[in-house]
């Protein structure tokens, strides 16, 4: 059976921030690299109960890690003062789906302003 782990820890997240969350994964102890991408149908990332991103439709892969874009609306939807779970599932082209062995905990920090800033 395959085992997937998150190599890098995910930092705390502040409400109202927008950036790419960098997520490096390994499979059976081997880091997923660009060479593995043709073997992947998609990768689902979940942050809390409501923020869901699916690569390759959203995000990218750069320098050995997936980039999960978080918008201001995404981070504002997370409850401040809470610790939410982060999970990922890899769907391989052969049909197998493998999730993280252990979900990660991510702390959410409050923002004084809950307004999405326009471009």
PDB file of N, CA and C in Angstrom:
ATOM      1  N   UNK A   1       0.829  -1.177   0.000  1.00  0.00           N
ATOM      2  CA  UNK A   1       0.000   0.000   0.000  1.00  0.00           C
ATOM      3  C   UNK A   1       0.876   1.244   0.000  1.00  0.00           C
ATOM      4  N   UNK A   2       0.493   2.243  -0.759  1.00  0.00           N
ATOM      5  CA  UNK A   2       1.241   3.488  -0.831  1.00  0.00           C
ATOM      6  C   UNK A   2       0.951   4.359   0.377  1.00  0.00           C
ATOM      7  N   UNK A   3       1.947   5.150   0.753  1.00  0.00           N
ATOM      8  CA  UNK A   3       1.817   6.056   1.885  1.00  0.00           C
ATOM      9  C   UNK A   3       2.274   7.442   1.464  1.00  0.00           C
ATOM     10  N   UNK A   4       1.432   8.454   1.716  1.00  0.00           N
ATOM     11  CA  UNK A   4       1.755   9.823   1.348  1.00  0.00           C
ATOM     12  C   UNK A   4       1.917  10.662   2.608  1.00  0.00           C
ATOM     13  N   UNK A   5       2.947  11.493   2.630  1.00  0.00           N
ATOM     14  CA  UNK A   5       3.198  12.394   3.750  1.00  0.00           C
ATOM     15  C   UNK A   5       3.502  13.780   3.231  1.00  0.00           C
ATOM     16  N   UNK A   6       3.297  14.763   4.083  1.00  0.00           N
ATOM     17  CA  UNK A   6       3.652  16.136   3.763  1.00  0.00           C
ATOM     18  C   UNK A   6       5.074  16.348   4.270  1.00  0.00           C
ATOM     19  N   UNK A   7       5.979  16.750   3.378  1.00  0.00           N
ATOM     20  CA  UNK A   7       7.379  16.930   3.750  1.00  0.00           C
ATOM     21  C   UNK A   7       7.566  18.235   4.523  1.00  0.00           C
ATOM     22  N   UNK A   8       6.931  19.290   4.054  1.00  0.00           N
ATOM     23  CA  UNK A   8       7.093  20.600   4.673  1.00  0.00           C
ATOM     24  C   UNK A   8       5.919  20.895   5.588  1.00  0.00           C
ATOM     25  N   UNK A   9       6.190  21.545   6.702  1.00  0.00           N
ATOM     26  CA  UNK A   9       5.112  21.937   7.589  1.00  0.00           C
ATOM     27  C   UNK A   9       4.427  23.176   7.028  1.00  0.00           C
ATOM     28  N   UNK A  10       3.164  23.301   7.293  1.00  0.00           N
ATOM     29  CA  UNK A  10       2.386  24.424   6.792  1.00  0.00           C
ATOM     30  C   UNK A  10       2.359  25.487   7.882  1.00  0.00           C
ATOM     31  N   UNK A  11       2.672  26.724   7.512  1.00  0.00           N
ATOM     32  CA  UNK A  11       2.707  27.782   8.530  1.00  0.00           C
ATOM     33  C   UNK A  11       1.302  28.143   9.008  1.00  0.00           C
ATOM     34  N   UNK A  12       1.268  28.987  10.008  1.00  0.00           N
ATOM     35  CA  UNK A  12      -0.015  29.529  10.431  1.00  0.00           C
ATOM     36  C   UNK A  12      -0.539  30.432   9.315  1.00  0.00           C
ATOM     37  N   UNK A  13      -1.834  30.659   9.333  1.00  0.00           N
ATOM     38  CA  UNK A  13      -2.475  31.468   8.296  1.00  0.00           C
ATOM     39  C   UNK A  13      -3.221  32.612   8.969  1.00  0.00           C
ATOM     40  N   UNK A  14      -3.075  33.809   8.443  1.00  0.00           N
ATOM     41  CA  UNK A  14      -3.801  34.955   8.960  1.00  0.00           C
ATOM     42  C   UNK A  14      -4.977  35.245   8.040  1.00  0.00           C
ATOM     43  N   UNK A  15      -6.129  35.484   8.647  1.00  0.00           N
ATOM     44  CA  UNK A  15      -7.308  35.833   7.857  1.00  0.00           C
ATOM     45  C   UNK A  15      -7.012  37.056   6.991  1.00  0.00           C
ATOM     46  N   UNK A  16      -7.545  37.048   5.771  1.00  0.00           N
ATOM     47  CA  UNK A  16      -7.396  38.186   4.878  1.00  0.00           C
ATOM     48  C   UNK A  16      -6.123  38.183   4.059  1.00  0.00           C
ATOM     49  N   UNK A  17      -5.196  37.262   4.346  1.00  0.00           N
ATOM     50  CA  UNK A  17      -3.980  37.166   3.544  1.00  0.00           C
ATOM     51  C   UNK A  17      -4.264  36.378   2.268  1.00  0.00           C
ATOM     52  N   UNK A  18      -3.473  36.627   1.237  1.00  0.00           N
ATOM     53  CA  UNK A  18      -3.594  35.901  -0.030  1.00  0.00           C
ATOM     54  C   UNK A  18      -2.190  35.573  -0.527  1.00  0.00           C
ATOM     55  N   UNK A  19      -1.950  34.306  -0.804  1.00  0.00           N
ATOM     56  CA  UNK A  19      -0.639  33.868  -1.273  1.00  0.00           C
ATOM     57  C   UNK A  19      -0.732  32.413  -1.707  1.00  0.00           C
ATOM     58  N   UNK A  20       0.357  31.897  -2.241  1.00  0.00           N
ATOM     59  CA  UNK A  20       0.438  30.483  -2.592  1.00  0.00           C
ATOM     60  C   UNK A  20       1.016  29.720  -1.414  1.00  0.00           C
ATOM     61  N   UNK A  21       0.291  28.720  -0.965  1.00  0.00           N
ATOM     62  CA  UNK A  21       0.770  27.837   0.091  1.00  0.00           C
ATOM     63  C   UNK A  21       1.629  26.771  -0.579  1.00  0.00           C
ATOM     64  N   UNK A  22       2.864  26.619  -0.120  1.00  0.00           N
ATOM     65  CA  UNK A  22       3.812  25.667  -0.711  1.00  0.00           C
ATOM     66  C   UNK A  22       3.667  24.323   0.008  1.00  0.00           C
ATOM     67  N   UNK A  23       3.396  23.264  -0.770  1.00  0.00           N
ATOM     68  CA  UNK A  23       3.150  21.940  -0.197  1.00  0.00           C
ATOM     69  C   UNK A  23       4.011  20.910  -0.924  1.00  0.00           C
ATOM     70  N   UNK A  24       4.990  20.377  -0.220  1.00  0.00           N
ATOM     71  CA  UNK A  24       5.838  19.322  -0.769  1.00  0.00           C
ATOM     72  C   UNK A  24       5.354  17.991  -0.204  1.00  0.00           C
ATOM     73  N   UNK A  25       5.163  17.020  -1.072  1.00  0.00           N
ATOM     74  CA  UNK A  25       4.665  15.703  -0.659  1.00  0.00           C
ATOM     75  C   UNK A  25       5.696  14.630  -0.958  1.00  0.00           C
ATOM     76  N   UNK A  26       5.615  13.541  -0.198  1.00  0.00           N
ATOM     77  CA  UNK A  26       6.403  12.369  -0.566  1.00  0.00           C
ATOM     78  C   UNK A  26       5.484  11.167  -0.660  1.00  0.00           C
ATOM     79  N   UNK A  27       5.922  10.201  -1.414  1.00  0.00           N
ATOM     80  CA  UNK A  27       5.187   8.953  -1.583  1.00  0.00           C
ATOM     81  C   UNK A  27       6.139   7.824  -1.254  1.00  0.00           C
ATOM     82  N   UNK A  28       5.778   7.054  -0.232  1.00  0.00           N
ATOM     83  CA  UNK A  28       6.629   5.948   0.220  1.00  0.00           C
ATOM     84  C   UNK A  28       8.054   6.411   0.518  1.00  0.00           C
ATOM     85  N   UNK A  29       8.179   7.597   1.110  1.00  0.00           N
ATOM     86  CA  UNK A  29       9.483   8.108   1.512  1.00  0.00           C
ATOM     87  C   UNK A  29      10.262   8.807   0.422  1.00  0.00           C
ATOM     88  N   UNK A  30       9.723   8.880  -0.783  1.00  0.00           N
ATOM     89  CA  UNK A  30      10.410   9.543  -1.896  1.00  0.00           C
ATOM     90  C   UNK A  30       9.656  10.828  -2.252  1.00  0.00           C
ATOM     91  N   UNK A  31      10.397  11.934  -2.310  1.00  0.00           N
ATOM     92  CA  UNK A  31       9.780  13.214  -2.632  1.00  0.00           C
ATOM     93  C   UNK A  31       9.165  13.177  -4.024  1.00  0.00           C
ATOM     94  N   UNK A  32       7.921  13.671  -4.136  1.00  0.00           N
ATOM     95  CA  UNK A  32       7.298  13.815  -5.452  1.00  0.00           C
ATOM     96  C   UNK A  32       8.003  14.949  -6.187  1.00  0.00           C
ATOM     97  N   UNK A  33       8.405  14.677  -7.421  1.00  0.00           N
ATOM     98  CA  UNK A  33       9.114  15.668  -8.230  1.00  0.00           C
ATOM     99  C   UNK A  33       8.360  15.879  -9.537  1.00  0.00           C
ATOM    100  N   UNK A  34       8.864  16.777 -10.335  1.00  0.00           N
ATOM    101  CA  UNK A  34       8.257  17.045 -11.638  1.00  0.00           C
ATOM    102  C   UNK A  34       8.215  15.786 -12.504  1.00  0.00           C
ATOM    103  N   UNK A  35       9.165  14.884 -12.318  1.00  0.00           N
ATOM    104  CA  UNK A  35       9.193  13.633 -13.083  1.00  0.00           C
ATOM    105  C   UNK A  35       7.983  12.749 -12.771  1.00  0.00           C
ATOM    106  N   UNK A  36       7.381  12.898 -11.582  1.00  0.00           N
ATOM    107  CA  UNK A  36       6.214  12.106 -11.190  1.00  0.00           C
ATOM    108  C   UNK A  36       4.901  12.659 -11.732  1.00  0.00           C
ATOM    109  N   UNK A  37       4.884  13.920 -12.138  1.00  0.00           N
ATOM    110  CA  UNK A  37       3.626  14.574 -12.510  1.00  0.00           C
ATOM    111  C   UNK A  37       2.834  13.832 -13.578  1.00  0.00           C
ATOM    112  N   UNK A  38       3.455  13.220 -14.609  1.00  0.00           N
ATOM    113  CA  UNK A  38       2.653  12.471 -15.588  1.00  0.00           C
ATOM    114  C   UNK A  38       1.900  11.282 -14.993  1.00  0.00           C
ATOM    115  N   UNK A  39       2.302  10.823 -13.815  1.00  0.00           N
ATOM    116  CA  UNK A  39       1.633   9.706 -13.151  1.00  0.00           C
ATOM    117  C   UNK A  39       0.413  10.143 -12.345  1.00  0.00           C
ATOM    118  N   UNK A  40       0.225  11.464 -12.206  1.00  0.00           N
ATOM    119  CA  UNK A  40      -0.837  12.006 -11.363  1.00  0.00           C
ATOM    120  C   UNK A  40      -1.997  12.512 -12.202  1.00  0.00           C
ATOM    121  N   UNK A  41      -3.192  12.057 -11.861  1.00  0.00           N
ATOM    122  CA  UNK A  41      -4.395  12.588 -12.505  1.00  0.00           C
ATOM    123  C   UNK A  41      -4.739  13.942 -11.887  1.00  0.00           C
ATOM    124  N   UNK A  42      -4.745  13.992 -10.548  1.00  0.00           N
ATOM    125  CA  UNK A  42      -4.985  15.249  -9.844  1.00  0.00           C
ATOM    126  C   UNK A  42      -4.551  15.092  -8.399  1.00  0.00           C
ATOM    127  N   UNK A  43      -4.441  16.226  -7.716  1.00  0.00           N
ATOM    128  CA  UNK A  43      -4.155  16.234  -6.285  1.00  0.00           C
ATOM    129  C   UNK A  43      -5.154  17.186  -5.642  1.00  0.00           C
ATOM    130  N   UNK A  44      -5.874  16.687  -4.631  1.00  0.00           N
ATOM    131  CA  UNK A  44      -6.865  17.494  -3.923  1.00  0.00           C
ATOM    132  C   UNK A  44      -6.263  17.968  -2.605  1.00  0.00           C
ATOM    133  N   UNK A  45      -6.412  19.279  -2.349  1.00  0.00           N
ATOM    134  CA  UNK A  45      -5.962  19.874  -1.099  1.00  0.00           C
ATOM    135  C   UNK A  45      -7.173  20.437  -0.373  1.00  0.00           C
ATOM    136  N   UNK A  46      -7.293  20.136   0.913  1.00  0.00           N
ATOM    137  CA  UNK A  46      -8.394  20.651   1.733  1.00  0.00           C
ATOM    138  C   UNK A  46      -7.804  21.373   2.936  1.00  0.00           C
ATOM    139  N   UNK A  47      -8.344  22.571   3.195  1.00  0.00           N
ATOM    140  CA  UNK A  47      -7.961  23.345   4.365  1.00  0.00           C
ATOM    141  C   UNK A  47      -9.238  23.643   5.134  1.00  0.00           C
ATOM    142  N   UNK A  48      -9.369  23.055   6.309  1.00  0.00           N
ATOM    143  CA  UNK A  48     -10.625  23.165   7.042  1.00  0.00           C
ATOM    144  C   UNK A  48     -11.718  22.433   6.279  1.00  0.00           C
ATOM    145  N   UNK A  49     -12.964  22.815   6.541  1.00  0.00           N
ATOM    146  CA  UNK A  49     -14.088  22.154   5.884  1.00  0.00           C
ATOM    147  C   UNK A  49     -14.489  22.800   4.567  1.00  0.00           C
ATOM    148  N   UNK A  50     -13.959  24.011   4.274  1.00  0.00           N
ATOM    149  CA  UNK A  50     -14.502  24.713   3.130  1.00  0.00           C
ATOM    150  C   UNK A  50     -13.549  25.143   2.048  1.00  0.00           C
ATOM    151  N   UNK A  51     -12.244  25.125   2.284  1.00  0.00           N
ATOM    152  CA  UNK A  51     -11.307  25.571   1.255  1.00  0.00           C
ATOM    153  C   UNK A  51     -10.749  24.333   0.562  1.00  0.00           C
ATOM    154  N   UNK A  52     -11.155  24.161  -0.689  1.00  0.00           N
ATOM    155  CA  UNK A  52     -10.749  22.990  -1.482  1.00  0.00           C
ATOM    156  C   UNK A  52     -10.126  23.477  -2.785  1.00  0.00           C
ATOM    157  N   UNK A  53      -8.946  22.976  -3.096  1.00  0.00           N
ATOM    158  CA  UNK A  53      -8.248  23.305  -4.340  1.00  0.00           C
ATOM    159  C   UNK A  53      -7.797  21.996  -4.971  1.00  0.00           C
ATOM    160  N   UNK A  54      -7.917  21.904  -6.287  1.00  0.00           N
ATOM    161  CA  UNK A  54      -7.515  20.685  -6.992  1.00  0.00           C
ATOM    162  C   UNK A  54      -6.513  21.049  -8.076  1.00  0.00           C
ATOM    163  N   UNK A  55      -5.302  20.482  -7.955  1.00  0.00           N
ATOM    164  CA  UNK A  55      -4.266  20.621  -8.975  1.00  0.00           C
ATOM    165  C   UNK A  55      -4.542  19.572 -10.046  1.00  0.00           C
ATOM    166  N   UNK A  56      -4.462  19.776 -11.319  1.00  0.00           N
ATOM    167  CA  UNK A  56      -3.823  20.893 -12.000  1.00  0.00           C
ATOM    168  C   UNK A  56      -4.776  22.025 -12.388  1.00  0.00           C
ATOM    169  N   UNK A  57      -6.086  21.900 -12.072  1.00  0.00           N
ATOM    170  CA  UNK A  57      -7.010  22.968 -12.439  1.00  0.00           C
ATOM    171  C   UNK A  57      -6.633  24.277 -11.767  1.00  0.00           C
ATOM    172  N   UNK A  58      -6.189  24.194 -10.523  1.00  0.00           N
ATOM    173  CA  UNK A  58      -5.821  25.374  -9.746  1.00  0.00           C
ATOM    174  C   UNK A  58      -4.431  25.141  -9.170  1.00  0.00           C
ATOM    175  N   UNK A  59      -3.616  26.161  -9.196  1.00  0.00           N
ATOM    176  CA  UNK A  59      -2.281  26.053  -8.612  1.00  0.00           C
ATOM    177  C   UNK A  59      -1.274  25.546  -9.619  1.00  0.00           C
ATOM    178  N   UNK A  60      -0.113  25.269  -9.127  1.00  0.00           N
ATOM    179  CA  UNK A  60       0.969  24.823  -9.995  1.00  0.00           C
ATOM    180  C   UNK A  60       1.921  23.929  -9.241  1.00  0.00           C
ATOM    181  N   UNK A  61       3.039  23.632  -9.895  1.00  0.00           N
ATOM    182  CA  UNK A  61       4.097  22.835  -9.289  1.00  0.00           C
ATOM    183  C   UNK A  61       5.400  23.525  -9.640  1.00  0.00           C
ATOM    184  N   UNK A  62       6.171  23.893  -8.617  1.00  0.00           N
ATOM    185  CA  UNK A  62       7.412  24.624  -8.844  1.00  0.00           C
ATOM    186  C   UNK A  62       8.440  24.226  -7.799  1.00  0.00           C
ATOM    187  N   UNK A  63       9.638  23.925  -8.263  1.00  0.00           N
ATOM    188  CA  UNK A  63      10.764  23.658  -7.376  1.00  0.00           C
ATOM    189  C   UNK A  63      10.438  22.590  -6.325  1.00  0.00           C
ATOM    190  N   UNK A  64       9.823  21.495  -6.759  1.00  0.00           N
ATOM    191  CA  UNK A  64       9.578  20.358  -5.881  1.00  0.00           C
ATOM    192  C   UNK A  64       8.362  20.446  -4.984  1.00  0.00           C
ATOM    193  N   UNK A  65       7.474  21.419  -5.248  1.00  0.00           N
ATOM    194  CA  UNK A  65       6.297  21.554  -4.379  1.00  0.00           C
ATOM    195  C   UNK A  65       5.090  22.039  -5.171  1.00  0.00           C
ATOM    196  N   UNK A  66       3.923  21.631  -4.697  1.00  0.00           N
ATOM    197  CA  UNK A  66       2.677  22.151  -5.250  1.00  0.00           C
ATOM    198  C   UNK A  66       2.443  23.529  -4.656  1.00  0.00           C
ATOM    199  N   UNK A  67       1.852  24.406  -5.442  1.00  0.00           N
ATOM    200  CA  UNK A  67       1.498  25.736  -4.972  1.00  0.00           C
ATOM    201  C   UNK A  67      -0.018  25.826  -4.936  1.00  0.00           C
ATOM    202  N   UNK A  68      -0.560  25.937  -3.726  1.00  0.00           N
ATOM    203  CA  UNK A  68      -2.008  26.012  -3.530  1.00  0.00           C
ATOM    204  C   UNK A  68      -2.371  27.473  -3.295  1.00  0.00           C
ATOM    205  N   UNK A  69      -3.029  28.112  -4.267  1.00  0.00           N
ATOM    206  CA  UNK A  69      -3.346  29.526  -4.095  1.00  0.00           C
ATOM    207  C   UNK A  69      -4.471  29.738  -3.081  1.00  0.00           C
ATOM    208  N   UNK A  70      -4.223  30.623  -2.148  1.00  0.00           N
ATOM    209  CA  UNK A  70      -5.237  31.023  -1.185  1.00  0.00           C
ATOM    210  C   UNK A  70      -5.603  32.477  -1.466  1.00  0.00           C
ATOM    211  N   UNK A  71      -6.885  32.745  -1.621  1.00  0.00           N
ATOM    212  CA  UNK A  71      -7.355  34.105  -1.833  1.00  0.00           C
ATOM    213  C   UNK A  71      -7.705  34.729  -0.483  1.00  0.00           C
ATOM    214  N   UNK A  72      -7.925  36.038  -0.491  1.00  0.00           N
ATOM    215  CA  UNK A  72      -8.374  36.696   0.733  1.00  0.00           C
ATOM    216  C   UNK A  72      -9.698  36.094   1.195  1.00  0.00           C
ATOM    217  N   UNK A  73     -10.598  35.830   0.253  1.00  0.00           N
ATOM    218  CA  UNK A  73     -11.890  35.230   0.606  1.00  0.00           C
ATOM    219  C   UNK A  73     -11.688  33.854   1.250  1.00  0.00           C
ATOM    220  N   UNK A  74     -10.727  33.064   0.729  1.00  0.00           N
ATOM    221  CA  UNK A  74     -10.438  31.749   1.318  1.00  0.00           C
ATOM    222  C   UNK A  74     -10.023  31.894   2.771  1.00  0.00           C
ATOM    223  N   UNK A  75      -9.048  32.767   3.044  1.00  0.00           N
ATOM    224  CA  UNK A  75      -8.523  32.863   4.408  1.00  0.00           C
ATOM    225  C   UNK A  75      -9.521  33.533   5.349  1.00  0.00           C
ATOM    226  N   UNK A  76     -10.327  34.454   4.827  1.00  0.00           N
ATOM    227  CA  UNK A  76     -11.350  35.067   5.665  1.00  0.00           C
ATOM    228  C   UNK A  76     -12.460  34.085   6.027  1.00  0.00           C
ATOM    229  N   UNK A  77     -12.624  33.023   5.243  1.00  0.00           N
ATOM    230  CA  UNK A  77     -13.664  32.032   5.532  1.00  0.00           C
ATOM    231  C   UNK A  77     -13.275  31.098   6.674  1.00  0.00           C
ATOM    232  N   UNK A  78     -12.015  31.131   7.084  1.00  0.00           N
ATOM    233  CA  UNK A  78     -11.533  30.267   8.163  1.00  0.00           C
ATOM    234  C   UNK A  78     -11.755  30.961   9.505  1.00  0.00           C
ATOM    235  N   UNK A  79     -12.192  30.217  10.508  1.00  0.00           N
ATOM    236  CA  UNK A  79     -12.479  30.772  11.832  1.00  0.00           C
ATOM    237  C   UNK A  79     -11.196  31.165  12.544  1.00  0.00           C
ATOM    238  N   UNK A  80     -11.137  32.412  12.989  1.00  0.00           N
ATOM    239  CA  UNK A  80      -9.946  32.849  13.717  1.00  0.00           C
ATOM    240  C   UNK A  80      -9.889  32.168  15.077  1.00  0.00           C
ATOM    241  N   UNK A  81      -8.670  32.001  15.563  1.00  0.00           N
ATOM    242  CA  UNK A  81      -8.473  31.359  16.859  1.00  0.00           C
ATOM    243  C   UNK A  81      -8.617  29.854  16.815  1.00  0.00           C
ATOM    244  N   UNK A  82      -8.953  29.324  15.677  1.00  0.00           N
ATOM    245  CA  UNK A  82      -9.147  27.878  15.532  1.00  0.00           C
ATOM    246  C   UNK A  82      -7.896  27.225  14.962  1.00  0.00           C
ATOM    247  N   UNK A  83      -7.813  25.959  15.145  1.00  0.00           N
ATOM    248  CA  UNK A  83      -6.815  25.150  14.468  1.00  0.00           C
ATOM    249  C   UNK A  83      -7.585  24.265  13.505  1.00  0.00           C
ATOM    250  N   UNK A  84      -7.333  24.429  12.214  1.00  0.00           N
ATOM    251  CA  UNK A  84      -8.044  23.642  11.209  1.00  0.00           C
ATOM    252  C   UNK A  84      -7.129  22.541  10.685  1.00  0.00           C
ATOM    253  N   UNK A  85      -7.733  21.537  10.106  1.00  0.00           N
ATOM    254  CA  UNK A  85      -6.949  20.443   9.542  1.00  0.00           C
ATOM    255  C   UNK A  85      -6.651  20.708   8.079  1.00  0.00           C
ATOM    256  N   UNK A  86      -5.485  20.243   7.658  1.00  0.00           N
ATOM    257  CA  UNK A  86      -5.092  20.267   6.259  1.00  0.00           C
ATOM    258  C   UNK A  86      -4.942  18.825   5.821  1.00  0.00           C
ATOM    259  N   UNK A  87      -5.494  18.512   4.647  1.00  0.00           N
ATOM    260  CA  UNK A  87      -5.400  17.153   4.124  1.00  0.00           C
ATOM    261  C   UNK A  87      -5.136  17.220   2.629  1.00  0.00           C
ATOM    262  N   UNK A  88      -4.555  16.189   2.097  1.00  0.00           N
ATOM    263  CA  UNK A  88      -4.300  16.092   0.660  1.00  0.00           C
ATOM    264  C   UNK A  88      -4.529  14.656   0.219  1.00  0.00           C
ATOM    265  N   UNK A  89      -5.049  14.502  -1.021  1.00  0.00           N
ATOM    266  CA  UNK A  89      -5.223  13.181  -1.619  1.00  0.00           C
ATOM    267  C   UNK A  89      -4.661  13.222  -3.031  1.00  0.00           C
ATOM    268  N   UNK A  90      -3.858  12.222  -3.360  1.00  0.00           N
ATOM    269  CA  UNK A  90      -3.253  12.105  -4.685  1.00  0.00           C
ATOM    270  C   UNK A  90      -4.028  11.056  -5.468  1.00  0.00           C
ATOM    271  N   UNK A  91      -4.537  11.443  -6.641  1.00  0.00           N
ATOM    272  CA  UNK A  91      -5.248  10.520  -7.535  1.00  0.00           C
ATOM    273  C   UNK A  91      -4.315  10.199  -8.692  1.00  0.00           C
ATOM    274  N   UNK A  92      -3.889   8.959  -8.768  1.00  0.00           N
ATOM    275  CA  UNK A  92      -2.951   8.521  -9.806  1.00  0.00           C
ATOM    276  C   UNK A  92      -3.706   8.166 -11.085  1.00  0.00           C
ATOM    277  N   UNK A  93      -3.022   8.237 -12.218  1.00  0.00           N
ATOM    278  CA  UNK A  93      -3.649   7.952 -13.511  1.00  0.00           C
ATOM    279  C   UNK A  93      -4.155   6.515 -13.581  1.00  0.00           C
ATOM    280  N   UNK A  94      -3.575   5.607 -12.826  1.00  0.00           N
ATOM    281  CA  UNK A  94      -4.029   4.217 -12.808  1.00  0.00           C
ATOM    282  C   UNK A  94      -5.289   3.994 -11.991  1.00  0.00           C
ATOM    283  N   UNK A  95      -5.762   5.030 -11.285  1.00  0.00           N
ATOM    284  CA  UNK A  95      -6.997   4.914 -10.524  1.00  0.00           C
ATOM    285  C   UNK A  95      -6.834   4.927  -9.021  1.00  0.00           C
ATOM    286  N   UNK A  96      -5.647   4.623  -8.505  1.00  0.00           N
ATOM    287  CA  UNK A  96      -5.437   4.623  -7.055  1.00  0.00           C
ATOM    288  C   UNK A  96      -5.532   6.046  -6.511  1.00  0.00           C
ATOM    289  N   UNK A  97      -6.079   6.153  -5.303  1.00  0.00           N
ATOM    290  CA  UNK A  97      -6.165   7.437  -4.604  1.00  0.00           C
ATOM    291  C   UNK A  97      -5.549   7.231  -3.222  1.00  0.00           C
ATOM    292  N   UNK A  98      -4.554   8.067  -2.890  1.00  0.00           N
ATOM    293  CA  UNK A  98      -3.846   7.920  -1.630  1.00  0.00           C
ATOM    294  C   UNK A  98      -3.839   9.260  -0.908  1.00  0.00           C
ATOM    295  N   UNK A  99      -4.330   9.263   0.340  1.00  0.00           N
ATOM    296  CA  UNK A  99      -4.355  10.477   1.148  1.00  0.00           C
ATOM    297  C   UNK A  99      -3.161  10.555   2.075  1.00  0.00           C
ATOM    298  N   UNK A 100      -3.015  11.725   2.695  1.00  0.00           N
ATOM    299  CA  UNK A 100      -1.948  11.893   3.673  1.00  0.00           C
ATOM    300  C   UNK A 100      -2.124  10.878   4.802  1.00  0.00           C
ATOM    301  N   UNK A 101      -1.022  10.337   5.251  1.00  0.00           N
ATOM    302  CA  UNK A 101      -1.064   9.396   6.364  1.00  0.00           C
ATOM    303  C   UNK A 101      -1.585  10.094   7.618  1.00  0.00           C
ATOM    304  N   UNK A 102      -1.158  11.341   7.813  1.00  0.00           N
ATOM    305  CA  UNK A 102      -1.561  12.093   8.999  1.00  0.00           C
ATOM    306  C   UNK A 102      -1.941  13.510   8.574  1.00  0.00           C
ATOM    307  N   UNK A 103      -3.165  13.919   8.909  1.00  0.00           N
ATOM    308  CA  UNK A 103      -3.590  15.278   8.603  1.00  0.00           C
ATOM    309  C   UNK A 103      -2.786  16.259   9.443  1.00  0.00           C
ATOM    310  N   UNK A 104      -2.551  17.439   8.882  1.00  0.00           N
ATOM    311  CA  UNK A 104      -1.795  18.472   9.581  1.00  0.00           C
ATOM    312  C   UNK A 104      -2.740  19.464  10.237  1.00  0.00           C
ATOM    313  N   UNK A 105      -2.271  20.095  11.279  1.00  0.00           N
ATOM    314  CA  UNK A 105      -3.031  21.129  11.984  1.00  0.00           C
ATOM    315  C   UNK A 105      -2.455  22.488  11.595  1.00  0.00           C
ATOM    316  N   UNK A 106      -3.338  23.437  11.261  1.00  0.00           N
ATOM    317  CA  UNK A 106      -2.925  24.781  10.867  1.00  0.00           C
ATOM    318  C   UNK A 106      -3.665  25.784  11.740  1.00  0.00           C
ATOM    319  N   UNK A 107      -2.943  26.662  12.390  1.00  0.00           N
ATOM    320  CA  UNK A 107      -3.524  27.681  13.279  1.00  0.00           C
ATOM    321  C   UNK A 107      -3.962  28.887  12.447  1.00  0.00           C
ATOM    322  N   UNK A 108      -5.164  29.401  12.717  1.00  0.00           N
ATOM    323  CA  UNK A 108      -5.709  30.554  12.002  1.00  0.00           C
ATOM    324  C   UNK A 108      -5.680  31.764  12.937  1.00  0.00           C
ATOM    325  N   UNK A 109      -5.077  32.859  12.468  1.00  0.00           N
ATOM    326  CA  UNK A 109      -4.972  34.086  13.249  1.00  0.00           C
ATOM    327  C   UNK A 109      -5.943  35.138  12.731  1.00  0.00           C
ATOM    328  N   UNK A 110      -6.472  35.913  13.652  1.00  0.00           N
ATOM    329  CA  UNK A 110      -7.474  36.932  13.381  1.00  0.00           C
ATOM    330  C   UNK A 110      -6.876  38.139  12.674  1.00  0.00           C
ATOM    331  N   UNK A 111      -7.673  38.723  11.787  1.00  0.00           N
ATOM    332  CA  UNK A 111      -7.334  40.002  11.171  1.00  0.00           C
ATOM    333  C   UNK A 111      -8.335  41.035  11.670  1.00  0.00           C
ATOM    334  N   UNK A 112      -7.871  42.238  11.937  1.00  0.00           N
ATOM    335  CA  UNK A 112      -8.783  43.291  12.383  1.00  0.00           C
ATOM    336  C   UNK A 112      -9.759  43.666  11.285  1.00  0.00           C
ATOM    337  N   UNK A 113      -9.279  43.720  10.042  1.00  0.00           N
ATOM    338  CA  UNK A 113     -10.132  44.047   8.905  1.00  0.00           C
ATOM    339  C   UNK A 113     -10.616  42.764   8.255  1.00  0.00           C
ATOM    340  N   UNK A 114     -11.909  42.698   7.949  1.00  0.00           N
ATOM    341  CA  UNK A 114     -12.447  41.551   7.245  1.00  0.00           C
ATOM    342  C   UNK A 114     -12.948  41.969   5.859  1.00  0.00           C
ATOM    343  N   UNK A 115     -12.259  42.955   5.277  1.00  0.00           N
ATOM    344  CA  UNK A 115     -12.607  43.472   3.951  1.00  0.00           C
ATOM    345  C   UNK A 115     -11.599  42.926   2.944  1.00  0.00           C
ATOM    346  N   UNK A 116     -12.105  42.432   1.812  1.00  0.00           N
ATOM    347  CA  UNK A 116     -11.221  41.991   0.734  1.00  0.00           C
ATOM    348  C   UNK A 116     -10.745  43.243  -0.004  1.00  0.00           C
ATOM    349  N   UNK A 117      -9.431  43.405  -0.066  1.00  0.00           N
ATOM    350  CA  UNK A 117      -8.848  44.562  -0.732  1.00  0.00           C
ATOM    351  C   UNK A 117      -8.876  44.358  -2.242  1.00  0.00           C
ATOM    352  N   UNK A 118      -9.335  45.345  -2.986  1.00  0.00           N
ATOM    353  CA  UNK A 118      -9.413  45.248  -4.441  1.00  0.00           C
ATOM    354  C   UNK A 118      -8.035  45.426  -5.055  1.00  0.00           C
ATOM    355  N   UNK A 119      -7.901  44.902  -6.270  1.00  0.00           N
ATOM    356  CA  UNK A 119      -6.635  45.066  -7.013  1.00  0.00           C
ATOM    357  C   UNK A 119      -6.434  46.499  -7.427  1.00  0.00           C
TER     358      UNK A 119
END
